[in-house]
Amino acid sequence: MKPVLIIAEAANPEWVSVPLVGWSHAKALASVAPAHVVTHVRNRDAILRAGWTEGEEFTTIDSDAVAAPLYKAGSLLRGGKGKGWTTATAFAAFSYYYFEHLLWKRFGQRIANGEFGLVHRITPLSPTVPSIIARRCRRAGVPFVWGPINGGVPWPKGFDAVRRQEHEWLSYIRGAYKLMPGYGATRRHASAILVGSRATFEQIPTEYRDKCVYVPENAIAPERFSATETPSGEGPLRAAFVGRLVPYKGADMLVEAAAPLVREGKLVIDVIGDGPQRAMLRERVETNGLDEGITFAGWVEHEQLQARLGQAEVFAFPSVREFGGGVVLEAMALGLVPVVVDYAGPGELVTEQTGFRIPIGPRAQIVERLRDTLAQLVEERAALREMGERARRRVLTCFTWQAKARQTLEVYKWVLGERAGKPDFGMPLREDAVPATELQEPTT
């Protein structure tokens, strides 16, 4: 196979969220296929510290002449840090055009000369950010692979107030992204589109769905989440929540649902994360006499998260609008039993055999169903360890970066004509569909 040119504008081994996803996927792909990664210059130092050599394994592009002022403008309009993600993505889309313009100046001739077997754009993840080089790759006779793309999950009914609190004003007219330059060309000229969720698949126009392969956005590195100890199972049931303390993540619903069990001494909750809701949540906990059973850890460094989560048996995460849900995979990899809202990302990661999915509905309904589920877990605690082990094995089988790289490699073979049919790993993933699957036991 000729080298793959991997575009990962956001790829940083020392950050979290999309940059970590971009780096992890690119690194895993480079271990199963010859590859060269193109990323933004902001990631250079971290990638060098990770042991890669610039010019050999990766190249950086400096697009800050356009990206920096657009980032500042987007920051001013989004309404605060961690809010207005639709606004931030809109501004990032325009700066990304310039990034690809510079990338083509650097690599366009090499692509046209056939130096690369295909071009794969990993990040940006958003389906609202088009590519201006998909058409150029098609003209050069080089396949363009796009994704996994993920995002744009509609706000569930009954949470419009939360939507406004998140300053998601542009989400009301999100469909306008279809008017952006390159929207149609990206989908038309891509040889394969990796979709990270069912919601994203449904956003793809019908005429392009035969190009789509379902590959979830997130995965885990087994060495980062090795199960070091098993909770004793004595005392109250231990649950954990990890995430920004903002309304749509649902920490307030968790506190309300858990209150009776906490008062009875049957349940304790470790809330890991920070955000604008923290003061309100602490006051609510203290006012209702729950402070001995609900603790607030604040932000915990990613490297220390494993030890903190490892003290719990249940991962309670009632987020109502989660695109990927990588933190759910991390908890499952440690043997925690997930309790999630069955909407978007988390609902596609958790099965009936590995956790609990709360049907989406109005807030009061979610709280009631969450309370019933927690009460059930308290009563059926003996079954948690076996279910947690099934959750761990599902993640280590289907959701490691190496497993994801093997899936992506099958897509490469398909677009290059090296396999007969389009890969189908199931939607959600079937555990028997990941190619060359073998349980990747974590190493310490």
Protein backbone atom coordinates (compact mmCIF):
# COMPACT_ATOMS: atom_id res chain seq x y z
CA MET A 1 0.00 0.00 0.00
CA LYS A 2 1.21 3.49 -0.85
CA PRO A 3 1.42 5.92 2.08
CA VAL A 4 -1.80 7.47 3.37
CA LEU A 5 -1.84 11.24 3.80
CA ILE A 6 -3.74 11.77 7.05
CA ILE A 7 -5.21 15.21 7.67
CA ALA A 8 -5.67 15.87 11.38
CA GLU A 9 -5.75 19.62 11.91
CA ALA A 10 -6.45 18.94 15.60
CA ALA A 11 -4.09 16.22 16.87
CA ASN A 12 -2.40 16.61 20.23
CA PRO A 13 -1.34 13.83 22.62
CA GLU A 14 -1.29 16.20 25.60
CA TRP A 15 -4.78 17.64 25.24
CA VAL A 16 -8.25 16.12 25.57
CA SER A 17 -11.43 16.01 23.49
CA VAL A 18 -11.06 16.39 19.70
CA PRO A 19 -7.25 16.96 19.68
CA LEU A 20 -6.70 13.73 21.63
CA VAL A 21 -9.11 11.88 19.34
CA GLY A 22 -7.26 13.17 16.27
CA TRP A 23 -3.84 12.20 17.65
CA SER A 24 -4.93 8.79 18.91
CA HIS A 25 -6.60 7.79 15.67
CA ALA A 26 -3.73 9.07 13.51
CA LYS A 27 -1.13 7.29 15.65
CA ALA A 28 -3.06 4.01 15.51
CA LEU A 29 -3.45 4.26 11.73
CA ALA A 30 0.29 4.86 11.36
CA SER A 31 0.84 1.53 13.14
CA VAL A 32 -1.21 -0.47 10.61
CA ALA A 33 -0.46 1.38 7.35
CA PRO A 34 2.30 3.62 5.98
CA ALA A 35 1.15 7.14 6.76
CA HIS A 36 2.16 10.78 6.97
CA VAL A 37 0.16 13.11 9.23
CA VAL A 38 -0.52 16.77 8.51
CA THR A 39 -1.57 18.88 11.49
CA HIS A 40 -1.61 22.45 12.78
CA VAL A 41 1.62 23.99 14.02
CA ARG A 42 0.12 24.39 17.51
CA ASN A 43 0.53 20.63 17.95
CA ARG A 44 4.19 20.42 16.94
CA ASP A 45 5.90 20.49 20.33
CA ALA A 46 3.57 17.93 21.89
CA ILE A 47 4.02 15.54 18.95
CA LEU A 48 7.79 15.94 19.11
CA ARG A 49 7.66 15.11 22.81
CA ALA A 50 5.67 12.00 21.88
CA GLY A 51 8.70 10.83 19.90
CA TRP A 52 7.71 11.57 16.31
CA THR A 53 10.07 13.21 13.81
CA GLU A 54 8.88 16.25 11.90
CA GLY A 55 9.28 15.85 8.17
CA GLU A 56 9.23 12.08 8.39
CA GLU A 57 6.11 11.12 10.32
CA PHE A 58 4.33 14.46 10.34
CA THR A 59 4.19 17.95 8.85
CA THR A 60 2.78 21.10 10.43
CA ILE A 61 0.81 23.88 8.76
CA ASP A 62 0.69 27.41 10.19
CA SER A 63 -2.71 28.87 9.32
CA ASP A 64 -2.86 31.31 12.23
CA ALA A 65 -2.89 34.35 9.95
CA VAL A 66 -6.58 33.53 9.40
CA ALA A 67 -7.33 31.11 12.24
CA ALA A 68 -6.21 33.36 15.11
CA PRO A 69 -8.47 36.37 14.40
CA LEU A 70 -11.43 34.11 13.61
CA TYR A 71 -10.88 32.22 16.87
CA LYS A 72 -10.93 35.50 18.80
CA ALA A 73 -14.10 36.63 17.05
CA GLY A 74 -15.79 33.31 17.75
CA SER A 75 -14.74 33.44 21.40
CA LEU A 76 -16.35 36.86 21.80
CA LEU A 77 -19.63 35.75 20.24
CA ARG A 78 -20.05 32.33 21.81
CA GLY A 79 -21.06 33.75 25.20
CA GLY A 80 -18.38 32.32 27.45
CA LYS A 81 -15.90 29.47 27.71
CA GLY A 82 -17.48 26.10 27.11
CA LYS A 83 -20.65 27.60 25.59
CA GLY A 84 -21.90 28.30 22.09
CA TRP A 85 -20.24 25.30 20.45
CA THR A 86 -22.26 25.81 17.26
CA THR A 87 -20.87 29.34 16.99
CA ALA A 88 -17.32 28.14 17.64
CA THR A 89 -17.66 25.45 14.98
CA ALA A 90 -18.99 27.94 12.43
CA PHE A 91 -15.96 30.20 12.83
CA ALA A 92 -13.59 27.21 12.81
CA ALA A 93 -15.06 26.10 9.48
CA PHE A 94 -13.96 29.28 7.75
CA SER A 95 -10.45 29.11 9.17
CA TYR A 96 -10.22 25.47 8.11
CA TYR A 97 -10.66 26.48 4.47
CA TYR A 98 -7.39 28.33 4.76
CA PHE A 99 -5.69 25.38 6.46
CA GLU A 100 -6.61 23.11 3.51
CA HIS A 101 -5.56 25.82 1.05
CA LEU A 102 -2.06 25.82 2.58
CA LEU A 103 -2.05 22.03 2.78
CA TRP A 104 -2.77 21.74 -0.94
CA LYS A 105 0.01 24.19 -1.74
CA ARG A 106 2.39 21.94 0.21
CA PHE A 107 1.12 18.52 -0.88
CA GLY A 108 -1.09 19.03 -3.95
CA GLN A 109 1.57 18.19 -6.51
CA ARG A 110 2.70 15.14 -4.54
CA ILE A 111 -0.90 13.91 -4.38
CA ALA A 112 -1.35 14.48 -8.12
CA ASN A 113 1.90 12.61 -8.80
CA GLY A 114 0.54 9.53 -7.05
CA GLU A 115 2.89 9.62 -4.08
CA PHE A 116 -0.01 8.88 -1.73
CA GLY A 117 -2.46 6.03 -2.15
CA LEU A 118 -5.29 7.95 -0.55
CA VAL A 119 -6.04 11.02 1.54
CA HIS A 120 -7.92 10.64 4.82
CA ARG A 121 -9.30 13.63 6.76
CA ILE A 122 -9.81 12.75 10.42
CA THR A 123 -10.33 16.17 11.98
CA PRO A 124 -12.29 18.44 12.09
CA LEU A 125 -14.91 15.94 13.28
CA SER A 126 -17.93 18.09 12.52
CA PRO A 127 -19.97 17.24 9.40
CA THR A 128 -20.62 20.98 9.05
CA VAL A 129 -16.97 21.70 8.09
CA PRO A 130 -16.54 20.95 4.36
CA SER A 131 -13.33 20.12 2.51
CA ILE A 132 -12.05 22.04 -0.48
CA ILE A 133 -9.64 19.29 -1.51
CA ALA A 134 -12.06 16.36 -1.88
CA ARG A 135 -12.80 17.50 -5.44
CA ARG A 136 -9.10 17.99 -6.19
CA CYS A 137 -8.27 14.51 -4.94
CA ARG A 138 -10.97 13.02 -7.18
CA ARG A 139 -9.53 14.88 -10.18
CA ALA A 140 -6.10 13.50 -9.31
CA GLY A 141 -7.50 9.98 -9.13
CA VAL A 142 -6.70 9.64 -5.42
CA PRO A 143 -9.46 8.41 -3.06
CA PHE A 144 -10.56 10.85 -0.35
CA VAL A 145 -11.80 9.30 2.90
CA TRP A 146 -13.68 11.51 5.34
CA GLY A 147 -14.30 10.87 9.02
CA PRO A 148 -15.45 9.63 11.37
CA ILE A 149 -17.63 12.71 11.32
CA ASN A 150 -19.98 13.30 14.21
CA GLY A 151 -22.12 16.09 15.61
CA GLY A 152 -25.29 18.05 15.15
CA VAL A 153 -27.46 15.90 17.39
CA PRO A 154 -30.80 17.74 17.64
CA TRP A 155 -31.68 19.18 21.03
CA PRO A 156 -34.24 16.85 22.63
CA LYS A 157 -37.75 18.14 23.22
CA GLY A 158 -38.29 19.74 26.59
CA PHE A 159 -34.73 21.06 26.91
CA ASP A 160 -35.05 24.33 25.03
CA ALA A 161 -34.24 26.33 28.18
CA VAL A 162 -31.01 24.37 28.53
CA ARG A 163 -30.27 25.08 24.88
CA ARG A 164 -30.52 28.81 25.54
CA GLN A 165 -28.40 28.56 28.68
CA GLU A 166 -25.70 27.00 26.53
CA HIS A 167 -25.94 30.01 24.16
CA GLU A 168 -26.68 27.71 21.26
CA TRP A 169 -28.36 30.45 19.24
CA LEU A 170 -26.95 29.27 15.91
CA SER A 171 -28.30 25.76 16.48
CA TYR A 172 -31.73 27.11 15.51
CA ILE A 173 -30.42 27.73 11.98
CA ARG A 174 -27.79 25.00 11.91
CA GLY A 175 -29.06 23.77 8.55
CA ALA A 176 -27.50 26.85 6.97
CA TYR A 177 -24.17 24.98 6.87
CA LYS A 178 -25.49 23.24 3.76
CA LEU A 179 -24.95 26.54 1.93
CA MET A 180 -21.23 26.63 2.72
CA PRO A 181 -18.74 26.24 -0.14
CA GLY A 182 -17.76 22.63 -0.56
CA TYR A 183 -20.77 21.13 1.24
CA GLY A 184 -22.00 19.16 -1.76
CA ALA A 185 -18.56 18.59 -3.28
CA THR A 186 -17.20 16.98 -0.12
CA ARG A 187 -19.98 14.41 -0.03
CA ARG A 188 -20.03 13.92 -3.79
CA HIS A 189 -16.29 13.39 -4.26
CA ALA A 190 -15.48 11.47 -1.08
CA SER A 191 -14.81 7.81 -1.82
CA ALA A 192 -15.91 6.83 1.70
CA ILE A 193 -17.58 8.66 4.57
CA LEU A 194 -17.06 7.31 8.07
CA VAL A 195 -20.03 8.29 10.23
CA GLY A 196 -19.60 8.32 14.00
CA SER A 197 -23.26 8.04 14.99
CA ARG A 198 -26.68 7.14 13.68
CA ALA A 199 -27.68 10.80 13.94
CA THR A 200 -24.83 11.77 11.63
CA PHE A 201 -25.74 8.99 9.20
CA GLU A 202 -29.27 10.35 9.03
CA GLN A 203 -27.89 13.80 8.14
CA ILE A 204 -26.19 12.39 5.03
CA PRO A 205 -28.26 12.92 1.88
CA THR A 206 -29.74 9.63 0.68
CA GLU A 207 -27.73 9.58 -2.55
CA TYR A 208 -24.44 9.40 -0.61
CA ARG A 209 -25.34 6.85 2.04
CA ASP A 210 -23.91 3.97 0.02
CA LYS A 211 -20.50 5.51 0.78
CA CYS A 212 -21.06 5.51 4.53
CA VAL A 213 -19.47 3.14 7.02
CA TYR A 214 -20.37 3.34 10.70
CA VAL A 215 -17.24 3.80 12.86
CA PRO A 216 -17.82 5.46 16.26
CA GLU A 217 -15.83 8.60 16.98
CA ASN A 218 -14.26 7.57 20.28
CA ALA A 219 -12.00 4.80 21.52
CA ILE A 220 -9.63 4.22 24.42
CA ALA A 221 -5.96 3.38 24.93
CA PRO A 222 -5.98 0.23 27.09
CA GLU A 223 -2.74 1.15 28.83
CA ARG A 224 -4.38 4.29 30.21
CA PHE A 225 -7.32 2.46 31.69
CA SER A 226 -6.12 -0.77 33.22
CA ALA A 227 -8.30 -2.21 35.99
CA THR A 228 -5.97 -2.02 38.98
CA GLU A 229 -8.36 -2.90 41.80
CA THR A 230 -11.94 -3.98 42.30
CA PRO A 231 -14.20 -2.14 44.78
CA SER A 232 -14.92 -4.27 47.83
CA GLY A 233 -18.67 -4.11 47.40
CA GLU A 234 -19.11 -3.24 51.05
CA GLY A 235 -20.93 -0.20 52.38
CA PRO A 236 -23.10 1.99 50.16
CA LEU A 237 -23.11 1.60 46.39
CA ARG A 238 -20.48 3.90 44.87
CA ALA A 239 -21.29 5.85 41.71
CA ALA A 240 -19.30 8.45 39.77
CA PHE A 241 -20.13 11.26 37.35
CA VAL A 242 -17.52 12.87 35.07
CA GLY A 243 -18.14 15.96 32.97
CA ARG A 244 -18.60 19.70 32.76
CA LEU A 245 -21.12 20.91 35.29
CA VAL A 246 -23.51 22.44 32.79
CA PRO A 247 -27.24 21.76 32.44
CA TYR A 248 -27.21 19.38 29.48
CA LYS A 249 -24.70 17.03 31.15
CA GLY A 250 -27.37 16.21 33.72
CA ALA A 251 -25.49 16.35 37.03
CA ASP A 252 -28.45 18.23 38.56
CA MET A 253 -30.79 15.44 37.44
CA LEU A 254 -28.47 12.87 39.00
CA VAL A 255 -28.44 14.71 42.34
CA GLU A 256 -32.22 14.97 42.35
CA ALA A 257 -32.73 11.33 41.36
CA ALA A 258 -30.21 9.99 43.88
CA ALA A 259 -31.32 12.08 46.87
CA PRO A 260 -33.54 9.45 48.60
CA LEU A 261 -30.90 6.72 48.32
CA VAL A 262 -28.16 9.07 49.52
CA ARG A 263 -30.20 10.07 52.59
CA GLU A 264 -30.73 6.41 53.42
CA GLY A 265 -26.99 5.77 53.24
CA LYS A 266 -27.40 3.32 50.34
CA LEU A 267 -25.59 5.37 47.70
CA VAL A 268 -22.62 7.75 47.47
CA ILE A 269 -21.70 9.79 44.40
CA ASP A 270 -18.35 11.27 43.37
CA VAL A 271 -18.96 14.23 41.05
CA ILE A 272 -15.81 14.82 38.99
CA GLY A 273 -15.68 18.01 36.96
CA ASP A 274 -16.30 21.72 37.17
CA GLY A 275 -18.44 24.35 35.55
CA PRO A 276 -21.05 27.06 36.10
CA GLN A 277 -23.45 24.70 37.92
CA ARG A 278 -20.98 23.73 40.64
CA ALA A 279 -21.96 26.38 43.21
CA MET A 280 -25.66 25.69 42.68
CA LEU A 281 -25.17 21.94 42.99
CA ARG A 282 -23.11 22.25 46.17
CA GLU A 283 -25.74 24.51 47.71
CA ARG A 284 -28.51 22.07 46.76
CA VAL A 285 -26.57 19.16 48.26
CA GLU A 286 -25.91 21.01 51.52
CA THR A 287 -29.47 22.34 51.81
CA ASN A 288 -30.92 18.86 51.40
CA GLY A 289 -28.49 17.20 53.80
CA LEU A 290 -26.72 15.18 51.11
CA ASP A 291 -23.18 16.45 51.70
CA GLU A 292 -22.00 13.24 53.38
CA GLY A 293 -23.00 11.18 50.37
CA ILE A 294 -22.24 13.48 47.41
CA THR A 295 -18.72 14.88 46.99
CA PHE A 296 -17.33 17.33 44.43
CA ALA A 297 -13.81 16.55 43.24
CA GLY A 298 -13.48 19.40 40.75
CA TRP A 299 -11.31 18.77 37.69
CA VAL A 300 -9.10 15.71 37.91
CA GLU A 301 -6.11 15.39 35.57
CA HIS A 302 -6.67 12.81 32.85
CA GLU A 303 -3.75 10.74 34.10
CA GLN A 304 -5.33 10.55 37.57
CA LEU A 305 -8.87 9.88 36.41
CA GLN A 306 -8.39 6.11 36.30
CA ALA A 307 -7.60 5.85 40.01
CA ARG A 308 -10.55 8.05 40.92
CA LEU A 309 -13.04 6.17 38.76
CA GLY A 310 -11.68 2.84 39.92
CA GLN A 311 -13.21 3.46 43.35
CA ALA A 312 -16.74 3.34 41.88
CA GLU A 313 -18.98 0.53 40.68
CA VAL A 314 -21.45 2.57 38.61
CA PHE A 315 -20.91 5.38 36.12
CA ALA A 316 -23.99 7.63 36.26
CA PHE A 317 -24.00 9.96 33.27
CA PRO A 318 -27.45 11.33 32.32
CA SER A 319 -26.26 13.73 29.60
CA VAL A 320 -29.06 14.57 27.16
CA ARG A 321 -26.91 15.70 24.22
CA GLU A 322 -23.61 13.85 23.93
CA PHE A 323 -22.11 13.41 20.46
CA GLY A 324 -19.46 10.81 21.25
CA GLY A 325 -19.35 9.82 24.89
CA GLY A 326 -15.68 8.91 25.20
CA VAL A 327 -15.85 9.19 28.99
CA VAL A 328 -18.44 6.39 29.00
CA LEU A 329 -15.95 4.09 27.26
CA GLU A 330 -13.25 5.03 29.76
CA ALA A 331 -15.51 4.13 32.67
CA MET A 332 -16.56 0.86 31.03
CA ALA A 333 -12.90 -0.03 30.44
CA LEU A 334 -12.45 0.07 34.20
CA GLY A 335 -15.37 -2.26 34.78
CA LEU A 336 -17.92 0.35 35.85
CA VAL A 337 -21.53 -0.28 34.88
CA PRO A 338 -22.78 2.73 32.86
CA VAL A 339 -26.17 4.35 33.36
CA VAL A 340 -26.79 6.73 30.46
CA VAL A 341 -29.60 8.46 28.63
CA ASP A 342 -30.44 6.55 25.44
CA TYR A 343 -29.86 9.45 23.09
CA ALA A 344 -26.99 10.03 20.67
CA GLY A 345 -23.48 8.80 21.48
CA PRO A 346 -23.72 7.00 24.85
CA GLY A 347 -26.84 5.08 23.84
CA GLU A 348 -24.88 3.56 20.95
CA LEU A 349 -21.97 2.46 23.12
CA VAL A 350 -23.95 0.73 25.88
CA THR A 351 -25.90 -2.49 25.35
CA GLU A 352 -28.48 -4.23 27.53
CA GLN A 353 -25.77 -6.69 28.56
CA THR A 354 -23.25 -4.01 29.56
CA GLY A 355 -25.27 -1.25 31.21
CA PHE A 356 -28.51 0.69 31.51
CA ARG A 357 -30.06 3.14 29.04
CA ILE A 358 -32.66 5.62 30.32
CA PRO A 359 -35.17 6.50 27.57
CA ILE A 360 -35.04 10.14 26.50
CA GLY A 361 -38.01 12.22 27.60
CA PRO A 362 -38.92 15.32 29.61
CA ARG A 363 -36.62 16.18 32.49
CA ALA A 364 -39.01 14.93 35.19
CA GLN A 365 -39.37 11.62 33.41
CA ILE A 366 -35.61 11.15 33.12
CA VAL A 367 -35.19 11.90 36.84
CA GLU A 368 -37.87 9.36 37.77
CA ARG A 369 -36.44 6.63 35.56
CA LEU A 370 -32.92 7.36 36.75
CA ARG A 371 -34.05 7.10 40.38
CA ASP A 372 -35.72 3.75 39.67
CA THR A 373 -32.58 2.44 37.95
CA LEU A 374 -30.30 3.48 40.81
CA ALA A 375 -32.67 1.83 43.29
CA GLN A 376 -32.58 -1.34 41.20
CA LEU A 377 -28.78 -1.33 41.22
CA VAL A 378 -28.71 -0.94 44.98
CA GLU A 379 -30.97 -3.98 45.34
CA GLU A 380 -29.20 -6.07 42.68
CA ARG A 381 -25.66 -5.06 43.54
CA ALA A 382 -24.34 -8.61 43.37
CA ALA A 383 -24.86 -8.64 39.59
CA LEU A 384 -22.86 -5.47 38.99
CA ARG A 385 -19.44 -7.10 38.92
CA GLU A 386 -20.37 -9.51 36.13
CA MET A 387 -22.04 -6.76 34.11
CA GLY A 388 -19.02 -4.49 34.63
CA GLU A 389 -16.75 -7.23 33.33
CA ARG A 390 -18.90 -7.55 30.21
CA ALA A 391 -18.69 -3.78 29.74
CA ARG A 392 -14.92 -3.91 30.07
CA ARG A 393 -14.59 -6.72 27.57
CA ARG A 394 -16.83 -4.94 25.05
CA VAL A 395 -14.62 -1.85 25.18
CA LEU A 396 -11.36 -3.81 24.97
CA THR A 397 -12.71 -5.79 22.03
CA CYS A 398 -14.44 -3.10 19.97
CA PHE A 399 -13.36 0.32 21.18
CA THR A 400 -9.57 0.47 21.36
CA TRP A 401 -7.69 2.72 18.96
CA GLN A 402 -6.09 -0.37 17.42
CA ALA A 403 -9.51 -1.89 16.79
CA LYS A 404 -10.61 1.37 15.21
CA ALA A 405 -7.47 1.43 13.04
CA ARG A 406 -8.22 -2.09 11.80
CA GLN A 407 -11.76 -1.01 10.91
CA THR A 408 -10.41 2.01 9.04
CA LEU A 409 -7.88 -0.17 7.23
CA GLU A 410 -10.74 -2.29 5.90
CA VAL A 411 -12.31 0.90 4.53
CA TYR A 412 -9.02 1.75 2.84
CA LYS A 413 -8.94 -1.69 1.22
CA TRP A 414 -12.50 -1.18 0.00
CA VAL A 415 -11.90 2.19 -1.69
CA LEU A 416 -8.63 0.90 -3.17
CA GLY A 417 -10.40 -2.15 -4.65
CA GLU A 418 -8.56 -4.62 -2.43
CA ARG A 419 -11.74 -6.11 -0.93
CA ALA A 420 -14.99 -7.03 -2.62
CA GLY A 421 -17.62 -5.28 -0.53
CA LYS A 422 -18.11 -2.32 1.73
CA PRO A 423 -17.24 -3.08 5.36
CA ASP A 424 -20.22 -3.37 7.70
CA PHE A 425 -19.44 -3.40 11.41
CA GLY A 426 -23.02 -2.89 12.51
CA MET A 427 -24.74 0.24 13.78
CA PRO A 428 -24.24 0.08 16.77
CA LEU A 429 -21.06 -1.98 16.59
CA ARG A 430 -21.36 -5.73 16.71
CA GLU A 431 -18.70 -7.36 18.83
CA ASP A 432 -18.08 -10.01 16.18
CA ALA A 433 -17.61 -7.48 13.39
CA VAL A 434 -14.31 -5.84 14.32
CA PRO A 435 -11.64 -7.32 12.01
CA ALA A 436 -8.90 -9.45 13.58
CA THR A 437 -10.42 -8.86 16.99
CA GLU A 438 -8.55 -10.00 20.03
CA LEU A 439 -8.99 -8.89 23.61
CA GLN A 440 -6.36 -6.26 24.37
CA GLU A 441 -5.64 -6.74 28.02
CA PRO A 442 -4.26 -3.51 29.51
CA THR A 443 -0.59 -3.42 30.40
CA THR A 444 0.81 -1.56 33.39
